[in-house]
Amino acid sequence: MTNRESIDSYNGKAEKLVKQYESSPFAEVYAPIMDVFPTTPCKLLDLGAGSGRDSAALVKKGFTAVTVEPNAEMRKFGQMINNDKGMTWVDDALPELGALKKLDLEGPYPLIISAGLWMHFDDAELDASMKRVAELLAPGGRFVLSLRHGPVPAGRKMFSTQPEVIIELGKKYGLAHVKHILREDLHGREEVKWTFMCLEKPAA
């Protein structure tokens, strides 16, 4: 993210948030949309990875992961828990993802995932970030993301980003809508809901 305020808002909360993320297993979190993930292991890019939970779960299935997290505290605690062989942690942020270019890690990727990140972006950042994701996706590749809906936690910055906005931005940059589904919050917060989505880049 270009917005340092959003990145830095996780400072002082990282250890608690990492424990929260890790309390929800990957398979349970993505259960409503698990059918969109590749059945054959491939190289993936995890953007705004937090604790690295999702990368680690997929690496255990034979995938290799470039795990991107811009907040230093989140990376620190995440790497203490999830630093499996097959995971490459990177300090980088959308929309630029300049470190990926410097490290020759621009893919293309058959799978890009991004959990609970895109509601942090304003309109300009959403547009630029979708453009960048489309550039990094391999032909036939899929982009799986989740959006949080509900009250904004104190000290955090979020926008009311709706799935229709993501679908239209994807279309603008050549990504087709595959599926999206609204689900309850796994931590029992009745006022919080999540949309899980998948977009796909046409095969060459």
C-alpha atoms as a PDB file:
ATOM      1  CA  MET A   1       0.000   0.000   0.000  1.00  0.00           C
ATOM      2  CA  THR A   2       1.180   3.513  -0.674  1.00  0.00           C
ATOM      3  CA  ASN A   3      -0.805   4.644   2.359  1.00  0.00           C
ATOM      4  CA  ARG A   4       1.641   4.458   5.269  1.00  0.00           C
ATOM      5  CA  GLU A   5      -1.209   5.221   7.663  1.00  0.00           C
ATOM      6  CA  SER A   6      -2.903   1.933   6.827  1.00  0.00           C
ATOM      7  CA  ILE A   7       0.323  -0.062   7.023  1.00  0.00           C
ATOM      8  CA  ASP A   8       1.418   1.528  10.300  1.00  0.00           C
ATOM      9  CA  SER A   9      -2.019   1.064  11.878  1.00  0.00           C
ATOM     10  CA  TYR A  10      -1.030  -2.547  12.564  1.00  0.00           C
ATOM     11  CA  ASN A  11       1.901  -1.478  14.746  1.00  0.00           C
ATOM     12  CA  GLY A  12       1.451  -2.557  18.344  1.00  0.00           C
ATOM     13  CA  LYS A  13      -1.350  -4.929  17.316  1.00  0.00           C
ATOM     14  CA  ALA A  14       0.592  -7.419  15.228  1.00  0.00           C
ATOM     15  CA  GLU A  15       1.161 -10.136  17.829  1.00  0.00           C
ATOM     16  CA  LYS A  16      -2.522 -10.185  18.814  1.00  0.00           C
ATOM     17  CA  LEU A  17      -3.692 -10.121  15.188  1.00  0.00           C
ATOM     18  CA  VAL A  18      -1.319 -12.890  14.151  1.00  0.00           C
ATOM     19  CA  LYS A  19      -2.740 -15.103  16.920  1.00  0.00           C
ATOM     20  CA  GLN A  20      -6.251 -14.238  15.719  1.00  0.00           C
ATOM     21  CA  TYR A  21      -5.441 -15.080  12.104  1.00  0.00           C
ATOM     22  CA  GLU A  22      -3.777 -18.341  13.052  1.00  0.00           C
ATOM     23  CA  SER A  23      -6.820 -19.394  15.102  1.00  0.00           C
ATOM     24  CA  SER A  24      -8.806 -19.747  11.864  1.00  0.00           C
ATOM     25  CA  PRO A  25      -7.435 -22.581   9.684  1.00  0.00           C
ATOM     26  CA  PHE A  26      -6.994 -21.907   5.977  1.00  0.00           C
ATOM     27  CA  ALA A  27      -9.422 -24.673   4.986  1.00  0.00           C
ATOM     28  CA  GLU A  28     -12.145 -23.235   7.227  1.00  0.00           C
ATOM     29  CA  VAL A  29     -11.607 -19.639   6.080  1.00  0.00           C
ATOM     30  CA  TYR A  30     -11.773 -20.494   2.376  1.00  0.00           C
ATOM     31  CA  ALA A  31     -14.325 -23.333   2.589  1.00  0.00           C
ATOM     32  CA  PRO A  32     -17.029 -21.483   0.564  1.00  0.00           C
ATOM     33  CA  ILE A  33     -14.625 -20.825  -2.305  1.00  0.00           C
ATOM     34  CA  MET A  34     -12.119 -23.682  -2.074  1.00  0.00           C
ATOM     35  CA  ASP A  35     -13.203 -24.972  -5.484  1.00  0.00           C
ATOM     36  CA  VAL A  36     -11.560 -22.011  -7.256  1.00  0.00           C
ATOM     37  CA  PHE A  37      -8.035 -22.937  -6.112  1.00  0.00           C
ATOM     38  CA  PRO A  38      -5.786 -24.879  -8.517  1.00  0.00           C
ATOM     39  CA  THR A  39      -5.784 -28.617  -7.860  1.00  0.00           C
ATOM     40  CA  THR A  40      -2.205 -28.900  -9.116  1.00  0.00           C
ATOM     41  CA  PRO A  41       0.435 -27.133  -6.968  1.00  0.00           C
ATOM     42  CA  CYS A  42       1.934 -24.043  -8.562  1.00  0.00           C
ATOM     43  CA  LYS A  43       3.785 -20.827  -7.757  1.00  0.00           C
ATOM     44  CA  LEU A  44       1.654 -18.306  -5.863  1.00  0.00           C
ATOM     45  CA  LEU A  45       1.871 -14.695  -4.744  1.00  0.00           C
ATOM     46  CA  ASP A  46       0.328 -13.772  -1.374  1.00  0.00           C
ATOM     47  CA  LEU A  47      -0.280 -10.008  -1.102  1.00  0.00           C
ATOM     48  CA  GLY A  48      -0.755  -8.478   2.350  1.00  0.00           C
ATOM     49  CA  ALA A  49      -0.039 -11.899   3.827  1.00  0.00           C
ATOM     50  CA  GLY A  50      -0.299 -10.960   7.498  1.00  0.00           C
ATOM     51  CA  SER A  51       0.805 -14.020   9.469  1.00  0.00           C
ATOM     52  CA  GLY A  52       1.550 -15.992   6.303  1.00  0.00           C
ATOM     53  CA  ARG A  53      -1.166 -18.492   7.259  1.00  0.00           C
ATOM     54  CA  ASP A  54      -2.488 -18.894   3.721  1.00  0.00           C
ATOM     55  CA  SER A  55       0.933 -19.223   2.093  1.00  0.00           C
ATOM     56  CA  ALA A  56       1.991 -21.813   4.669  1.00  0.00           C
ATOM     57  CA  ALA A  57      -1.162 -23.897   4.195  1.00  0.00           C
ATOM     58  CA  LEU A  58      -0.685 -23.994   0.429  1.00  0.00           C
ATOM     59  CA  VAL A  59       3.050 -24.693   0.685  1.00  0.00           C
ATOM     60  CA  LYS A  60       2.168 -27.755   2.765  1.00  0.00           C
ATOM     61  CA  LYS A  61       0.124 -28.878  -0.252  1.00  0.00           C
ATOM     62  CA  GLY A  62       3.144 -28.571  -2.555  1.00  0.00           C
ATOM     63  CA  PHE A  63       2.822 -24.952  -3.728  1.00  0.00           C
ATOM     64  CA  THR A  64       5.693 -22.446  -3.584  1.00  0.00           C
ATOM     65  CA  ALA A  65       4.867 -18.995  -2.257  1.00  0.00           C
ATOM     66  CA  VAL A  66       6.175 -15.445  -2.466  1.00  0.00           C
ATOM     67  CA  THR A  67       4.705 -14.022   0.734  1.00  0.00           C
ATOM     68  CA  VAL A  68       4.414 -10.217   0.703  1.00  0.00           C
ATOM     69  CA  GLU A  69       3.732  -8.232   3.886  1.00  0.00           C
ATOM     70  CA  PRO A  70       4.572  -4.502   4.241  1.00  0.00           C
ATOM     71  CA  ASN A  71       4.248  -4.198   8.018  1.00  0.00           C
ATOM     72  CA  ALA A  72       7.517  -5.076   9.767  1.00  0.00           C
ATOM     73  CA  GLU A  73       5.851  -6.262  12.979  1.00  0.00           C
ATOM     74  CA  MET A  74       3.442  -8.531  11.108  1.00  0.00           C
ATOM     75  CA  ARG A  75       6.338 -10.009   9.130  1.00  0.00           C
ATOM     76  CA  LYS A  76       8.344 -10.586  12.305  1.00  0.00           C
ATOM     77  CA  PHE A  77       5.599 -12.494  14.096  1.00  0.00           C
ATOM     78  CA  GLY A  78       4.473 -14.200  10.906  1.00  0.00           C
ATOM     79  CA  GLN A  79       7.953 -15.508  10.167  1.00  0.00           C
ATOM     80  CA  MET A  80       8.227 -16.870  13.707  1.00  0.00           C
ATOM     81  CA  ILE A  81       5.188 -19.076  13.008  1.00  0.00           C
ATOM     82  CA  ASN A  82       5.244 -19.625   9.242  1.00  0.00           C
ATOM     83  CA  ASN A  83       8.634 -19.810   7.590  1.00  0.00           C
ATOM     84  CA  ASP A  84       8.375 -23.115   5.789  1.00  0.00           C
ATOM     85  CA  LYS A  85      10.685 -24.171   3.003  1.00  0.00           C
ATOM     86  CA  GLY A  86       8.914 -22.986  -0.126  1.00  0.00           C
ATOM     87  CA  MET A  87       7.944 -19.606   1.368  1.00  0.00           C
ATOM     88  CA  THR A  88       9.864 -16.460   0.391  1.00  0.00           C
ATOM     89  CA  TRP A  89       8.947 -13.480   2.608  1.00  0.00           C
ATOM     90  CA  VAL A  90       9.185 -10.042   0.974  1.00  0.00           C
ATOM     91  CA  ASP A  91       8.794  -6.518   2.377  1.00  0.00           C
ATOM     92  CA  ASP A  92       6.685  -4.882  -0.328  1.00  0.00           C
ATOM     93  CA  ALA A  93       3.297  -3.252  -0.907  1.00  0.00           C
ATOM     94  CA  LEU A  94       0.663  -2.667  -3.540  1.00  0.00           C
ATOM     95  CA  PRO A  95       0.222  -0.942  -5.851  1.00  0.00           C
ATOM     96  CA  GLU A  96       3.883  -0.554  -6.832  1.00  0.00           C
ATOM     97  CA  LEU A  97       5.348  -3.876  -5.616  1.00  0.00           C
ATOM     98  CA  GLY A  98       8.746  -2.471  -6.533  1.00  0.00           C
ATOM     99  CA  ALA A  99      10.682  -5.004  -4.457  1.00  0.00           C
ATOM    100  CA  LEU A 100       9.304  -7.859  -6.541  1.00  0.00           C
ATOM    101  CA  LYS A 101      10.857  -6.290  -9.613  1.00  0.00           C
ATOM    102  CA  LYS A 102      14.205  -5.721  -7.891  1.00  0.00           C
ATOM    103  CA  LEU A 103      14.252  -9.308  -6.643  1.00  0.00           C
ATOM    104  CA  ASP A 104      13.158 -10.737 -10.013  1.00  0.00           C
ATOM    105  CA  LEU A 105       9.985 -12.132  -8.451  1.00  0.00           C
ATOM    106  CA  GLU A 106       7.420 -10.706 -10.860  1.00  0.00           C
ATOM    107  CA  GLY A 107       6.146 -14.080 -11.973  1.00  0.00           C
ATOM    108  CA  PRO A 108       3.926 -14.538 -13.838  1.00  0.00           C
ATOM    109  CA  TYR A 109       1.886 -16.303 -11.164  1.00  0.00           C
ATOM    110  CA  PRO A 110      -0.850 -18.885 -11.811  1.00  0.00           C
ATOM    111  CA  LEU A 111      -2.349 -17.941  -8.430  1.00  0.00           C
ATOM    112  CA  ILE A 112      -2.448 -14.639  -6.522  1.00  0.00           C
ATOM    113  CA  ILE A 113      -4.190 -14.420  -3.154  1.00  0.00           C
ATOM    114  CA  SER A 114      -4.943 -11.385  -1.000  1.00  0.00           C
ATOM    115  CA  ALA A 115      -6.924 -11.748   2.231  1.00  0.00           C
ATOM    116  CA  GLY A 116      -8.475  -8.772   3.998  1.00  0.00           C
ATOM    117  CA  LEU A 117      -6.418  -6.132   2.206  1.00  0.00           C
ATOM    118  CA  TRP A 118      -8.385  -4.393  -0.531  1.00  0.00           C
ATOM    119  CA  MET A 119     -10.800  -2.485   1.700  1.00  0.00           C
ATOM    120  CA  HIS A 120      -7.750  -0.501   2.859  1.00  0.00           C
ATOM    121  CA  PHE A 121      -7.386   1.133  -0.586  1.00  0.00           C
ATOM    122  CA  ASP A 122      -8.946   4.360  -1.840  1.00  0.00           C
ATOM    123  CA  ASP A 123     -10.268   4.512  -5.413  1.00  0.00           C
ATOM    124  CA  ALA A 124      -6.943   5.411  -7.006  1.00  0.00           C
ATOM    125  CA  GLU A 125      -5.097   2.683  -5.104  1.00  0.00           C
ATOM    126  CA  LEU A 126      -7.755   0.120  -6.018  1.00  0.00           C
ATOM    127  CA  ASP A 127      -7.357   0.910  -9.698  1.00  0.00           C
ATOM    128  CA  ALA A 128      -3.566   0.856  -9.645  1.00  0.00           C
ATOM    129  CA  SER A 129      -3.498  -2.330  -7.553  1.00  0.00           C
ATOM    130  CA  MET A 130      -5.822  -4.212  -9.890  1.00  0.00           C
ATOM    131  CA  LYS A 131      -3.710  -3.151 -12.859  1.00  0.00           C
ATOM    132  CA  ARG A 132      -0.607  -4.506 -11.110  1.00  0.00           C
ATOM    133  CA  VAL A 133      -2.277  -7.797 -10.208  1.00  0.00           C
ATOM    134  CA  ALA A 134      -3.405  -8.256 -13.809  1.00  0.00           C
ATOM    135  CA  GLU A 135       0.188  -7.717 -14.949  1.00  0.00           C
ATOM    136  CA  LEU A 136       1.510 -10.336 -12.524  1.00  0.00           C
ATOM    137  CA  LEU A 137      -1.085 -13.032 -13.250  1.00  0.00           C
ATOM    138  CA  ALA A 138      -0.193 -15.770 -15.709  1.00  0.00           C
ATOM    139  CA  PRO A 139      -2.631 -16.451 -18.577  1.00  0.00           C
ATOM    140  CA  GLY A 140      -5.349 -18.636 -17.117  1.00  0.00           C
ATOM    141  CA  GLY A 141      -4.276 -17.572 -13.616  1.00  0.00           C
ATOM    142  CA  ARG A 142      -6.671 -16.798 -10.786  1.00  0.00           C
ATOM    143  CA  PHE A 143      -6.843 -13.973  -8.256  1.00  0.00           C
ATOM    144  CA  VAL A 144      -8.553 -14.907  -4.977  1.00  0.00           C
ATOM    145  CA  LEU A 145      -9.290 -12.164  -2.447  1.00  0.00           C
ATOM    146  CA  SER A 146     -11.486 -11.318   0.522  1.00  0.00           C
ATOM    147  CA  LEU A 147     -13.140  -8.062   1.579  1.00  0.00           C
ATOM    148  CA  ARG A 148     -14.169  -7.146   5.123  1.00  0.00           C
ATOM    149  CA  HIS A 149     -17.523  -5.384   5.662  1.00  0.00           C
ATOM    150  CA  GLY A 150     -18.600  -3.758   8.905  1.00  0.00           C
ATOM    151  CA  PRO A 151     -17.508  -1.196  11.506  1.00  0.00           C
ATOM    152  CA  VAL A 152     -13.923   0.007  11.176  1.00  0.00           C
ATOM    153  CA  PRO A 153     -11.788  -0.933  14.209  1.00  0.00           C
ATOM    154  CA  ALA A 154     -10.398   2.000  16.210  1.00  0.00           C
ATOM    155  CA  GLY A 155      -7.140   3.315  14.812  1.00  0.00           C
ATOM    156  CA  ARG A 156      -7.556   1.600  11.447  1.00  0.00           C
ATOM    157  CA  LYS A 157      -8.407   2.996   8.020  1.00  0.00           C
ATOM    158  CA  MET A 158     -10.834   1.142   5.773  1.00  0.00           C
ATOM    159  CA  PHE A 159     -13.250   1.933   2.976  1.00  0.00           C
ATOM    160  CA  SER A 160     -16.653   0.435   2.184  1.00  0.00           C
ATOM    161  CA  THR A 161     -15.387  -1.496  -0.825  1.00  0.00           C
ATOM    162  CA  GLN A 162     -18.083  -3.620  -2.447  1.00  0.00           C
ATOM    163  CA  PRO A 163     -17.560  -6.696  -4.655  1.00  0.00           C
ATOM    164  CA  GLU A 164     -19.155  -4.940  -7.631  1.00  0.00           C
ATOM    165  CA  VAL A 165     -16.304  -2.421  -7.596  1.00  0.00           C
ATOM    166  CA  ILE A 166     -13.729  -5.219  -7.663  1.00  0.00           C
ATOM    167  CA  ILE A 167     -15.567  -6.992 -10.481  1.00  0.00           C
ATOM    168  CA  GLU A 168     -15.661  -3.837 -12.621  1.00  0.00           C
ATOM    169  CA  LEU A 169     -11.993  -3.058 -11.973  1.00  0.00           C
ATOM    170  CA  GLY A 170     -11.082  -6.605 -12.873  1.00  0.00           C
ATOM    171  CA  LYS A 171     -13.014  -6.286 -16.118  1.00  0.00           C
ATOM    172  CA  LYS A 172     -11.187  -3.037 -16.879  1.00  0.00           C
ATOM    173  CA  TYR A 173      -7.870  -4.891 -16.750  1.00  0.00           C
ATOM    174  CA  GLY A 174      -8.998  -8.037 -18.525  1.00  0.00           C
ATOM    175  CA  LEU A 175      -9.953 -10.233 -15.561  1.00  0.00           C
ATOM    176  CA  ALA A 176     -13.220 -12.161 -15.634  1.00  0.00           C
ATOM    177  CA  HIS A 177     -15.415 -12.667 -12.582  1.00  0.00           C
ATOM    178  CA  VAL A 178     -15.528 -16.341 -11.614  1.00  0.00           C
ATOM    179  CA  LYS A 179     -17.316 -16.349  -8.267  1.00  0.00           C
ATOM    180  CA  HIS A 180     -18.032 -14.369  -5.126  1.00  0.00           C
ATOM    181  CA  ILE A 181     -19.812 -15.242  -1.917  1.00  0.00           C
ATOM    182  CA  LEU A 182     -20.767 -13.399   1.278  1.00  0.00           C
ATOM    183  CA  ARG A 183     -20.158 -15.195   4.563  1.00  0.00           C
ATOM    184  CA  GLU A 184     -20.302 -14.682   8.322  1.00  0.00           C
ATOM    185  CA  ASP A 185     -17.276 -13.720  10.398  1.00  0.00           C
ATOM    186  CA  LEU A 186     -15.478 -16.752  11.853  1.00  0.00           C
ATOM    187  CA  HIS A 187     -14.715 -14.887  15.080  1.00  0.00           C
ATOM    188  CA  GLY A 188     -18.390 -14.420  15.928  1.00  0.00           C
ATOM    189  CA  ARG A 189     -18.617 -10.690  15.247  1.00  0.00           C
ATOM    190  CA  GLU A 190     -22.238 -10.349  14.118  1.00  0.00           C
ATOM    191  CA  GLU A 191     -21.668  -6.897  12.621  1.00  0.00           C
ATOM    192  CA  VAL A 192     -18.779  -8.113  10.430  1.00  0.00           C
ATOM    193  CA  LYS A 193     -19.226  -9.958   7.129  1.00  0.00           C
ATOM    194  CA  TRP A 194     -16.751 -11.081   4.479  1.00  0.00           C
ATOM    195  CA  THR A 195     -16.916 -11.375   0.703  1.00  0.00           C
ATOM    196  CA  PHE A 196     -14.670 -14.001  -0.873  1.00  0.00           C
ATOM    197  CA  MET A 197     -14.009 -13.513  -4.577  1.00  0.00           C
ATOM    198  CA  CYS A 198     -12.219 -15.028  -7.554  1.00  0.00           C
ATOM    199  CA  LEU A 199     -11.218 -13.317 -10.810  1.00  0.00           C
ATOM    200  CA  GLU A 200      -9.467 -15.022 -13.707  1.00  0.00           C
ATOM    201  CA  LYS A 201      -7.132 -13.922 -16.486  1.00  0.00           C
ATOM    202  CA  PRO A 202      -8.082 -15.451 -19.838  1.00  0.00           C
ATOM    203  CA  ALA A 203      -5.785 -18.186 -21.114  1.00  0.00           C
ATOM    204  CA  ALA A 204      -3.479 -17.146 -23.934  1.00  0.00           C
END
